[in-house]
Amino acid sequence: MLQELRIRNFAIIDEMHLTFSRGLNILTGETGAGKSIILNAVHLLLGDRATEELVRSSQEEASVEALFDLSENRTAKEKLKEKGNEGDLLLMRRVISRSGRGKALINGNLASLGMLSEIGEELLSIYGQHEHQSLQRVETHIDILDEFGRLLGLRGELQAGYEKFISLSEEIDRIRNEKERRARERDLMAFQSREIEASRIRTGEEEALKEERSVLAHAEKLMAFAGASEEMLYSGDGSAIERVQSILNQAREVSSFDPSISSLAKGLEASLIQLEESGLALREYARRIEANPARLEEVENRLEEIDRLKKRYGPTVEEVLLFREKIDEKLRSFREDEDRLDELDRTLEPLRGEVMSLARRLSQERRGAAIELKKAVQKELASLGMKRTALEVRIEEIPLSPKGIDRVELLISPNIGEEVKALAKIASGGELSRIMLALKRILARVGARQVLVFDEVDAGIGGAIAEVVGKKLRDLSKDHQVICVTHLPQIACFAEEHYSVKKEVKGGRTVTTVHRLAKEDVVDEIARMLGGVKVTEKTRAHAKEMIENAKRQ
């Protein structure tokens, strides 16, 4: 529900503040009084393009604000919640600057025109000669049919399945494309992993080989050193051990002369044991070491192999092994993707079947609903002065989409015997308004409660038909807030709130003003619409009678 509308410095409006009631709100006034200016300001809240010419002369900026009550519009509330706005009240504001730096705001937060349009079209629909005539957009016709046939739940089920199917298909395509792109990369990585694995390279191996190579390269020198040292220390004539043993023997003989020699002898005994162990170790070392050119060549070749691996995969053995771990992990991910691809392929076809089954079921339901919609709309149009208008609901099969396999278009023929054609091509603004009025009458108790604005709904009608239109607008306002601009008293007399739009001169400048009319003022306005410039008591009585009759209907 639109609670308040405030317009400032817009065209010939200085400042205007309107509050609207829940039911049927009627705006009347002379041609050129500014009714269209008010509607143009409202269009800005639907994301319409703004130009600096809309800013009132001598002012730098213009603004339009609208306060909506969302308590009865769940769809709009959910959409706003997705964008971080919660609550039952929504303030939309559009500012136009002469400098060109305009802005849009939702609940005080900056918003794009796209967001403003998206939210605005959930809240408010304008029907008249304007680009927001949703009936002229063929893509909305399927929504009308589905809403009428109460098929939105089934369509939502289809859309969920379709989105899952598309998501699955996109993942399959991604994995397949990735698989093809990485085929050569995968082969190279597999070769690299096998090469490192086959080398059996291990941490610490390089250092051990370098030590072994040094020993093998100097084996003769090491053997000579070990042999000579062992003889001097242990097995040769006059070895160090013989000499120490001789000293120990003499020390035992003389220790009777000086007991302190015994302590010295003990130290020599310990040294003798160490010398014997060292001598035996040197003998063992000399036996073990040998010149082995074949083994030296093996070690050299192994070190060369390790150097080649380091040049390819990393400066150290540790980094070569880490490189292999990384490519093995990638290879595992490739295998997992291939397993995932097999799993997705097995899932995709059954899901495609389910989605197509839902789409065919929805299409069948639509065709049944189309027959009923045609009957209902033509009946409503007949009561609105369009008896000769034929309506056709054309359903054509198209490739699967989130809305199914159907393209739906409403076609009309205003005259008997003429071929039905697209609404956008042959329907006038008044006809479009009455067709939408008929549709909204039929759909009144289905879907979200919007604010419905009708402009030129009275074009081309009068008398009894105008009275029927007025009654239908009032009936429609029981389920939707309705704002209607009209020139016909037969429609205006059904208003729950009546607003008079006038153009006046104030302070030497022309301004548009709007006033909510009290009960007696409503009678005067209806009388003016009936009698023109000169309003007589007879005209006022007629106006009062019309209002009373409208209340009784």
Foldseek 3Di string as FASTA:
>chain_A
DWAWKWKDQFAQAHIAIDGDDLFEEEEEEDVPLCPVSVVVLLVVLLLDDDALNRGHPPDFKIKMKIKAFQPQFVVLQVVVVVVPDHDRIKMWMWMQGNVRPIFIDIPRHTDDSVVSNVSSVSFEQEFFPDPRLVQQPLQCQLVLLCLLLVNVVLLQVLLVLVVVLVVLVVLLVVLVVVCVVCVVVLVVLVVLLVLLVVLVDDPPPLVVLVVVLVCLVCLVVLLVVLVVLLQQQPPPVPHPLVVLVVVLVVLVVCCVVPVVSVVVSVVSVVVSVVSVVSSVVSVVVSVPGDNDVVVSVVSVVSNVSLVVLCVVQHVDSVRSVVSSVVSVVVSVVSVVSVVVSVVSVVVNVVSVVVSQVSLVVSVVSSVVSQVVVQVQLQVQVVLLVQVAKGKHWDWDADPQDSSHGIRTAIWIDSHPPDDTDHCVPDPHSLRSLSSVLSSCLSSLVTHGAHEYEYENVCPPDDDPSLLSSLLSSRVSSVRHHYYYYDLYLSNLLLGPWYKYWRWDADPNGIHIYIDTDDPLVSLVVSLCSVPPPDGDPVSSVVSVVSNVVSVVD
